[in-house]
Amino acid sequence: MSWQQRIDTALAERCAASAFRKRSPVSLGAGRWLTQGDQRWLNFSSNDYLGLSQHPQVVAAWQRGATRYGTGSGGSGHVTGYSEAHQQLEQQLAEWLGFPRALLFISGFAANQALIAALVGRDDRIVADRLSHASLLEAASQSQAQLRRFTHNDPQQLAQLLAKPIDGLQLAVTEGIFSMDGDSAPLAEIAAVTKAAGGWLLVDDAHGIGATGEEGRGSCFSQQTKPDLLVVTFGKAFGLSGAAVLCSETVADYLLQFARHLIYSTSMPPAQAVALSEALKVIRSDEGEQRRQILLDHITRFRRGAQQLDVQLMDSQSAIQPLIVGENARALSLAESLRVQGCWLTAIRPPTVPAGTARLRVTLTASHQPQDIDHLLEKLYAACR
């Protein structure tokens, strides 16, 4: 078989399974509306949970940062790319979340890959929730450590796996809020069994940080749990991009020596760090609390109406509200039908989710209006019939 034959076969298999992915360029993809040229749809696929991507204070902060620092960082943070703006943001994040140190990464994917690659060795074991994000599971499977996966949100099975003898160290891995199911991990129980086994706990709270908890401190704070390692990302409630690892002083120093993604990647633009500091200011303010309350009201409104739909509504209290359809073709058909009716939804299919659980992934934001939720529900009723 030639290279081209291999590629053609793989693409043909994806198409036959109604699993072929396509990108669709948009004029504006965050916020209440999604626009393409002169067309627009109510946007129920954005992770901009608090609507900060277009917040005037955040936009102005990026502009100020670009005026002061330029458009790029100029290099790795180990060379010339670590600015006062980066340092200030790291200090703000650490103080906010109650950790000694924070380290910035270019993305959540890079943070998870770097963290796991730098920490674990040949004799170690990673025990991860089987629905953990692809960045976590891929990093674990590519590491030298043994990978075991526990049943989703099952601390008892986690404890059983951690209890098995091993020569090295153990790292438990989970998310605060799961990106495809929208449900929350029982973090306090998971932390307790991990500590009892002498392991460390890594929590990726990409979808909880900013959107939940007092001052938006996220899932761990809400459950009064402090993991050994916390990853927060800025592409959701912060309305920007990038990520940070929250950790101890010694772990931060260790990562600065051994985390290859951190050492060999150009750091985020300083202007972005300035904008993130401003987004954090909004998240912690009374306005941020009001936006979280609006989001919570939208979630309640949607779930109340969606109970009557002829599809399975997942048990999620987050901004992520998945509607399980089952077959790939039906999920695509429903998404297309809803777009014709003015609602932009994304059909999520395997391998992103398990086979037979293709879904419409509804995401709600503080930018929506109550009538937007009602409109979506009305069109969902019609499409499902």
Protein backbone atom coordinates (compact mmCIF):
# COMPACT_ATOMS: atom_id res chain seq x y z
CA MET A 1 0.00 0.00 0.00
CA SER A 2 1.31 3.47 -0.89
CA TRP A 3 1.11 6.58 1.31
CA GLN A 4 -1.68 7.96 -0.85
CA GLN A 5 -3.65 4.71 -0.70
CA ARG A 6 -3.39 4.68 3.09
CA ILE A 7 -4.69 8.25 3.28
CA ASP A 8 -7.50 7.63 0.78
CA THR A 9 -8.64 4.51 2.65
CA ALA A 10 -8.72 6.29 6.01
CA LEU A 11 -10.72 9.19 4.57
CA ALA A 12 -13.17 6.85 2.83
CA GLU A 13 -13.77 4.99 6.10
CA ARG A 14 -14.49 8.26 7.91
CA CYS A 15 -16.96 9.32 5.24
CA ALA A 16 -18.73 5.95 5.29
CA ALA A 17 -19.18 6.21 9.07
CA SER A 18 -20.63 9.76 8.85
CA ALA A 19 -17.62 10.81 10.93
CA PHE A 20 -15.81 13.06 8.44
CA ARG A 21 -14.83 16.36 10.03
CA LYS A 22 -15.01 19.68 8.22
CA ARG A 23 -14.11 23.22 9.20
CA SER A 24 -16.40 26.09 8.38
CA PRO A 25 -14.84 29.58 8.29
CA VAL A 26 -16.88 32.18 10.15
CA SER A 27 -16.85 35.95 10.33
CA LEU A 28 -17.53 35.79 14.08
CA GLY A 29 -17.67 32.55 16.06
CA ALA A 30 -17.90 33.64 19.70
CA GLY A 31 -20.71 35.32 21.56
CA ARG A 32 -24.46 35.26 21.06
CA TRP A 33 -24.36 35.23 17.26
CA LEU A 34 -22.30 33.25 14.79
CA THR A 35 -21.91 34.97 11.43
CA GLN A 36 -20.75 33.85 8.00
CA GLY A 37 -20.75 36.67 5.49
CA ASP A 38 -24.21 38.23 5.58
CA GLN A 39 -25.81 35.26 7.38
CA ARG A 40 -26.08 34.77 11.12
CA TRP A 41 -27.30 32.13 13.56
CA LEU A 42 -27.92 31.98 17.29
CA ASN A 43 -24.68 30.43 18.48
CA PHE A 44 -25.00 27.38 20.74
CA SER A 45 -21.52 25.98 20.06
CA SER A 46 -19.27 28.60 21.67
CA ASN A 47 -17.23 27.96 24.84
CA ASP A 48 -17.19 31.71 25.57
CA TYR A 49 -19.28 31.00 28.68
CA LEU A 50 -19.23 34.48 30.20
CA GLY A 51 -19.15 36.41 26.93
CA LEU A 52 -15.76 37.95 27.66
CA SER A 53 -14.24 37.46 24.20
CA GLN A 54 -15.92 40.69 23.10
CA HIS A 55 -15.93 42.50 26.45
CA PRO A 56 -14.81 46.10 25.84
CA GLN A 57 -12.45 46.12 28.82
CA VAL A 58 -10.72 42.93 27.66
CA VAL A 59 -10.47 44.13 24.04
CA ALA A 60 -9.05 47.48 25.19
CA ALA A 61 -6.53 45.71 27.44
CA TRP A 62 -5.20 43.66 24.52
CA GLN A 63 -4.88 46.84 22.47
CA ARG A 64 -2.96 48.54 25.30
CA GLY A 65 -0.73 45.51 25.60
CA ALA A 66 -0.01 45.45 21.87
CA THR A 67 0.84 49.16 21.92
CA ARG A 68 3.28 48.63 24.76
CA TYR A 69 4.81 45.21 23.94
CA GLY A 70 4.09 44.66 20.23
CA THR A 71 2.26 41.71 18.72
CA GLY A 72 4.54 38.83 19.75
CA SER A 73 6.75 37.72 22.61
CA GLY A 74 9.86 37.25 20.51
CA GLY A 75 10.89 33.87 21.86
CA SER A 76 10.64 31.19 24.49
CA GLY A 77 10.15 32.32 28.04
CA HIS A 78 13.59 30.88 28.77
CA VAL A 79 15.18 33.31 26.32
CA THR A 80 13.44 36.67 25.80
CA GLY A 81 9.74 35.77 25.83
CA TYR A 82 8.96 36.12 29.55
CA SER A 83 7.70 39.65 30.20
CA GLU A 84 6.49 41.60 33.19
CA ALA A 85 2.96 41.02 31.88
CA HIS A 86 3.46 37.24 32.03
CA GLN A 87 4.92 37.45 35.52
CA GLN A 88 2.05 39.61 36.77
CA LEU A 89 -0.58 37.26 35.36
CA GLU A 90 1.09 34.23 36.92
CA GLN A 91 1.15 35.93 40.32
CA GLN A 92 -2.50 36.95 40.00
CA LEU A 93 -3.57 33.40 39.11
CA ALA A 94 -1.61 31.86 41.97
CA GLU A 95 -3.10 34.29 44.52
CA TRP A 96 -6.63 33.82 43.15
CA LEU A 97 -6.54 30.04 43.26
CA GLY A 98 -4.47 29.62 46.42
CA PHE A 99 -1.33 28.00 45.00
CA PRO A 100 2.29 29.06 45.51
CA ARG A 101 3.03 29.20 41.77
CA ALA A 102 1.43 29.39 38.32
CA LEU A 103 3.14 28.75 34.99
CA LEU A 104 1.67 29.91 31.68
CA PHE A 105 1.38 27.64 28.64
CA ILE A 106 0.35 28.37 25.06
CA SER A 107 -2.67 26.02 25.28
CA GLY A 108 -4.42 23.57 27.56
CA PHE A 109 -3.37 20.72 25.29
CA ALA A 110 0.27 21.78 25.59
CA ALA A 111 0.00 22.17 29.37
CA ASN A 112 -1.37 18.66 29.87
CA GLN A 113 1.14 17.11 27.49
CA ALA A 114 4.06 18.93 29.11
CA LEU A 115 3.00 18.17 32.65
CA ILE A 116 2.56 14.43 32.20
CA ALA A 117 5.64 14.01 30.00
CA ALA A 118 7.84 15.81 32.51
CA LEU A 119 6.53 14.13 35.66
CA VAL A 120 6.07 10.41 35.07
CA GLY A 121 8.67 7.73 34.44
CA ARG A 122 8.94 4.09 33.44
CA ASP A 123 7.97 2.57 36.79
CA ASP A 124 5.05 4.93 37.44
CA ARG A 125 1.32 4.54 36.93
CA ILE A 126 -1.29 6.98 35.66
CA VAL A 127 -4.91 6.23 36.60
CA ALA A 128 -7.23 8.43 34.56
CA ASP A 129 -10.97 8.80 34.29
CA ARG A 130 -11.81 7.07 31.01
CA LEU A 131 -13.63 10.18 29.75
CA SER A 132 -10.68 12.49 30.38
CA HIS A 133 -9.78 14.93 27.61
CA ALA A 134 -7.78 13.64 24.64
CA SER A 135 -4.79 15.77 25.67
CA LEU A 136 -4.57 13.92 29.00
CA LEU A 137 -5.13 10.40 27.68
CA GLU A 138 -2.79 10.90 24.73
CA ALA A 139 -0.03 12.23 26.97
CA ALA A 140 -0.52 9.31 29.36
CA SER A 141 -0.50 6.68 26.61
CA GLN A 142 2.63 8.15 25.03
CA SER A 143 4.49 8.36 28.34
CA GLN A 144 6.69 5.64 29.80
CA ALA A 145 4.23 5.11 32.63
CA GLN A 146 1.60 2.40 32.90
CA LEU A 147 -1.86 3.76 32.02
CA ARG A 148 -5.02 2.46 33.67
CA ARG A 149 -8.46 4.00 33.21
CA PHE A 150 -11.19 3.96 35.83
CA THR A 151 -14.93 4.00 35.19
CA HIS A 152 -16.20 7.53 34.71
CA ASN A 153 -16.59 9.36 38.06
CA ASP A 154 -16.09 6.16 40.09
CA PRO A 155 -13.79 6.82 43.08
CA GLN A 156 -14.14 3.23 44.28
CA GLN A 157 -12.66 1.78 41.12
CA LEU A 158 -9.97 4.46 41.20
CA ALA A 159 -9.10 3.29 44.72
CA GLN A 160 -8.94 -0.34 43.57
CA LEU A 161 -6.56 0.48 40.74
CA LEU A 162 -4.38 2.66 42.96
CA ALA A 163 -4.17 -0.19 45.50
CA LYS A 164 -2.44 -2.53 43.05
CA PRO A 165 1.29 -2.86 43.83
CA ILE A 166 3.70 -0.80 41.75
CA ASP A 167 7.39 0.07 42.02
CA GLY A 168 7.03 3.74 41.12
CA LEU A 169 4.74 6.67 41.82
CA GLN A 170 1.06 7.17 40.97
CA LEU A 171 -0.80 10.05 39.34
CA ALA A 172 -4.62 10.21 39.32
CA VAL A 173 -6.10 12.28 36.50
CA THR A 174 -9.58 13.73 36.03
CA GLU A 175 -11.44 16.82 34.88
CA GLY A 176 -13.49 19.25 36.96
CA ILE A 177 -16.29 19.43 34.36
CA PHE A 178 -16.15 17.00 31.44
CA SER A 179 -16.07 18.60 28.02
CA MET A 180 -18.42 16.21 26.20
CA ASP A 181 -20.83 15.10 28.97
CA GLY A 182 -20.87 18.36 30.95
CA ASP A 183 -21.03 16.57 34.30
CA SER A 184 -18.79 17.21 37.31
CA ALA A 185 -16.27 14.88 38.91
CA PRO A 186 -16.66 13.98 42.63
CA LEU A 187 -13.37 15.71 43.35
CA ALA A 188 -13.41 15.47 47.14
CA GLU A 189 -13.79 11.67 47.03
CA ILE A 190 -11.24 11.30 44.25
CA ALA A 191 -8.75 13.44 46.18
CA ALA A 192 -9.30 11.39 49.35
CA VAL A 193 -8.65 7.99 47.74
CA THR A 194 -5.65 9.36 45.84
CA LYS A 195 -4.11 10.78 48.99
CA ALA A 196 -4.76 7.53 50.87
CA ALA A 197 -2.83 5.65 48.17
CA GLY A 198 0.08 8.09 48.39
CA GLY A 199 -0.49 9.45 44.87
CA TRP A 200 -0.86 12.90 43.39
CA LEU A 201 -4.02 14.28 41.82
CA LEU A 202 -4.10 16.25 38.56
CA VAL A 203 -7.34 18.10 37.76
CA ASP A 204 -8.00 19.79 34.42
CA ASP A 205 -10.69 22.40 35.12
CA ALA A 206 -10.91 23.93 31.65
CA HIS A 207 -14.71 24.11 31.72
CA GLY A 208 -15.17 25.03 35.38
CA ILE A 209 -12.66 27.82 35.90
CA GLY A 210 -14.23 31.26 35.70
CA ALA A 211 -17.73 29.83 35.22
CA THR A 212 -18.33 28.25 38.64
CA GLY A 213 -17.52 28.89 42.27
CA GLU A 214 -17.00 32.02 44.34
CA GLU A 215 -15.17 34.62 42.22
CA GLY A 216 -15.18 32.00 39.46
CA ARG A 217 -12.49 29.92 41.19
CA GLY A 218 -13.84 26.76 39.61
CA SER A 219 -14.68 23.17 40.41
CA CYS A 220 -11.99 22.43 42.99
CA PHE A 221 -12.81 25.50 45.05
CA SER A 222 -16.54 24.71 44.83
CA GLN A 223 -15.90 21.22 46.22
CA GLN A 224 -13.37 22.47 48.80
CA THR A 225 -10.67 20.34 47.22
CA LYS A 226 -7.07 21.31 46.49
CA PRO A 227 -5.36 18.98 44.01
CA ASP A 228 -1.61 18.63 43.79
CA LEU A 229 -1.73 19.92 40.21
CA LEU A 230 -4.41 22.11 38.66
CA VAL A 231 -4.64 23.00 34.97
CA VAL A 232 -6.83 25.95 33.99
CA THR A 233 -7.38 27.12 30.44
CA PHE A 234 -8.35 30.51 29.04
CA GLY A 235 -10.27 29.48 25.93
CA LYS A 236 -13.60 29.13 27.73
CA ALA A 237 -14.85 31.49 30.47
CA PHE A 238 -11.84 33.82 30.04
CA GLY A 239 -12.78 34.35 26.40
CA LEU A 240 -9.18 34.15 25.15
CA SER A 241 -6.70 31.27 24.81
CA GLY A 242 -3.76 29.73 26.63
CA ALA A 243 -3.49 27.88 29.93
CA ALA A 244 -1.74 27.73 33.27
CA VAL A 245 -0.51 25.03 35.61
CA LEU A 246 -1.03 25.76 39.33
CA CYS A 247 1.40 23.94 41.59
CA SER A 248 3.97 24.13 44.39
CA GLU A 249 7.20 26.11 44.27
CA THR A 250 9.32 23.01 43.71
CA VAL A 251 7.07 21.60 40.97
CA ALA A 252 7.19 24.94 39.17
CA ASP A 253 10.98 24.96 39.34
CA TYR A 254 11.03 21.35 38.12
CA LEU A 255 8.79 22.14 35.14
CA LEU A 256 10.94 25.11 34.22
CA GLN A 257 13.85 22.68 33.91
CA PHE A 258 12.13 19.70 32.26
CA ALA A 259 8.81 20.66 30.59
CA ARG A 260 9.78 20.66 26.91
CA HIS A 261 6.59 22.39 25.71
CA LEU A 262 7.44 25.26 28.04
CA ILE A 263 11.12 25.42 27.18
CA TYR A 264 10.95 25.10 23.40
CA SER A 265 7.74 26.97 22.49
CA THR A 266 7.41 30.67 21.85
CA SER A 267 5.47 32.10 24.78
CA MET A 268 2.08 33.75 24.39
CA PRO A 269 2.20 37.41 23.33
CA PRO A 270 2.55 39.78 26.30
CA ALA A 271 -0.51 41.64 25.00
CA GLN A 272 -2.50 38.45 25.49
CA ALA A 273 -1.28 38.23 29.10
CA VAL A 274 -2.44 41.83 29.64
CA ALA A 275 -5.88 40.93 28.25
CA LEU A 276 -6.03 37.81 30.44
CA SER A 277 -5.28 39.90 33.53
CA GLU A 278 -8.19 42.16 32.61
CA ALA A 279 -10.47 39.16 31.99
CA LEU A 280 -9.53 37.83 35.43
CA LYS A 281 -10.42 41.20 36.93
CA VAL A 282 -13.89 40.99 35.35
CA ILE A 283 -14.34 37.35 36.43
CA ARG A 284 -13.61 38.24 40.06
CA SER A 285 -15.83 41.33 40.07
CA ASP A 286 -19.53 41.84 40.81
CA GLU A 287 -20.07 41.87 37.06
CA GLY A 288 -18.49 38.45 36.82
CA GLU A 289 -20.84 37.16 39.50
CA GLN A 290 -23.80 38.60 37.61
CA ARG A 291 -22.68 36.89 34.42
CA ARG A 292 -22.35 33.56 36.22
CA GLN A 293 -25.87 33.97 37.59
CA ILE A 294 -27.23 34.73 34.12
CA LEU A 295 -25.51 31.60 32.82
CA LEU A 296 -26.98 29.53 35.65
CA ASP A 297 -30.47 30.89 34.88
CA HIS A 298 -30.04 29.90 31.22
CA ILE A 299 -28.94 26.38 32.22
CA THR A 300 -32.01 25.97 34.44
CA ARG A 301 -34.31 27.31 31.72
CA PHE A 302 -32.88 24.99 29.08
CA ARG A 303 -32.97 21.87 31.23
CA ARG A 304 -36.56 22.51 32.27
CA GLY A 305 -37.64 22.74 28.64
CA ALA A 306 -35.43 19.95 27.33
CA GLN A 307 -36.99 17.34 29.62
CA GLN A 308 -39.74 16.94 27.01
CA LEU A 309 -37.41 16.22 24.07
CA ASP A 310 -37.31 12.81 22.43
CA VAL A 311 -33.55 12.52 23.04
CA GLN A 312 -31.48 11.76 26.12
CA LEU A 313 -30.46 14.83 28.14
CA MET A 314 -27.24 14.24 30.06
CA ASP A 315 -27.09 14.92 33.79
CA SER A 316 -25.18 18.18 33.50
CA GLN A 317 -25.52 21.35 35.57
CA SER A 318 -22.85 23.14 33.55
CA ALA A 319 -22.90 25.30 30.44
CA ILE A 320 -22.40 22.10 28.41
CA GLN A 321 -25.77 20.44 27.74
CA PRO A 322 -25.34 17.33 25.56
CA LEU A 323 -28.34 15.76 23.84
CA ILE A 324 -27.54 12.12 23.05
CA VAL A 325 -28.85 11.14 19.61
CA GLY A 326 -27.05 7.83 19.07
CA GLU A 327 -26.39 7.49 15.36
CA ASN A 328 -23.88 9.70 13.58
CA ALA A 329 -26.14 10.35 10.60
CA ARG A 330 -29.05 11.43 12.79
CA ALA A 331 -26.85 13.82 14.76
CA LEU A 332 -25.64 15.43 11.52
CA SER A 333 -29.19 15.61 10.17
CA LEU A 334 -30.52 17.28 13.32
CA ALA A 335 -27.66 19.79 13.40
CA GLU A 336 -28.30 20.73 9.78
CA SER A 337 -32.07 21.02 10.37
CA LEU A 338 -31.46 23.37 13.29
CA ARG A 339 -29.09 25.53 11.25
CA VAL A 340 -31.81 25.97 8.66
CA GLN A 341 -33.97 27.21 11.55
CA GLY A 342 -31.34 29.75 12.67
CA CYS A 343 -29.59 27.81 15.47
CA TRP A 344 -25.94 26.81 15.14
CA LEU A 345 -25.22 23.52 16.92
CA THR A 346 -22.37 21.07 16.54
CA ALA A 347 -22.84 17.33 16.03
CA ILE A 348 -20.20 15.50 18.09
CA ARG A 349 -19.40 12.00 16.86
CA PRO A 350 -16.93 9.18 17.53
CA PRO A 351 -14.02 9.03 18.05
CA THR A 352 -14.47 12.21 20.11
CA VAL A 353 -17.22 10.40 22.06
CA PRO A 354 -17.87 6.65 22.49
CA ALA A 355 -19.50 4.75 19.64
CA GLY A 356 -23.28 4.96 19.69
CA THR A 357 -23.34 8.23 21.66
CA ALA A 358 -23.27 10.81 18.86
CA ARG A 359 -24.79 14.00 20.23
CA LEU A 360 -25.76 17.58 19.80
CA ARG A 361 -23.49 19.52 22.13
CA VAL A 362 -25.41 22.58 23.29
CA THR A 363 -23.32 25.23 25.01
CA LEU A 364 -24.96 28.15 26.78
CA THR A 365 -23.36 31.50 27.55
CA ALA A 366 -24.12 34.63 29.53
CA SER A 367 -24.39 36.43 26.18
CA HIS A 368 -27.61 34.61 25.36
CA GLN A 369 -31.02 36.10 26.10
CA PRO A 370 -33.90 34.09 27.66
CA GLN A 371 -35.78 34.24 24.38
CA ASP A 372 -32.79 32.61 22.66
CA ILE A 373 -33.16 29.57 24.91
CA ASP A 374 -36.88 29.38 24.18
CA HIS A 375 -36.26 29.67 20.44
CA LEU A 376 -33.73 26.84 20.55
CA LEU A 377 -36.12 24.60 22.49
CA GLU A 378 -38.93 25.30 20.05
CA LYS A 379 -36.74 24.35 17.08
CA LEU A 380 -35.41 21.26 18.89
CA TYR A 381 -38.98 20.02 19.48
CA ALA A 382 -39.75 20.41 15.79
CA ALA A 383 -36.48 18.83 14.62
CA CYS A 384 -36.78 15.82 16.95
CA ARG A 385 -40.34 15.13 15.77
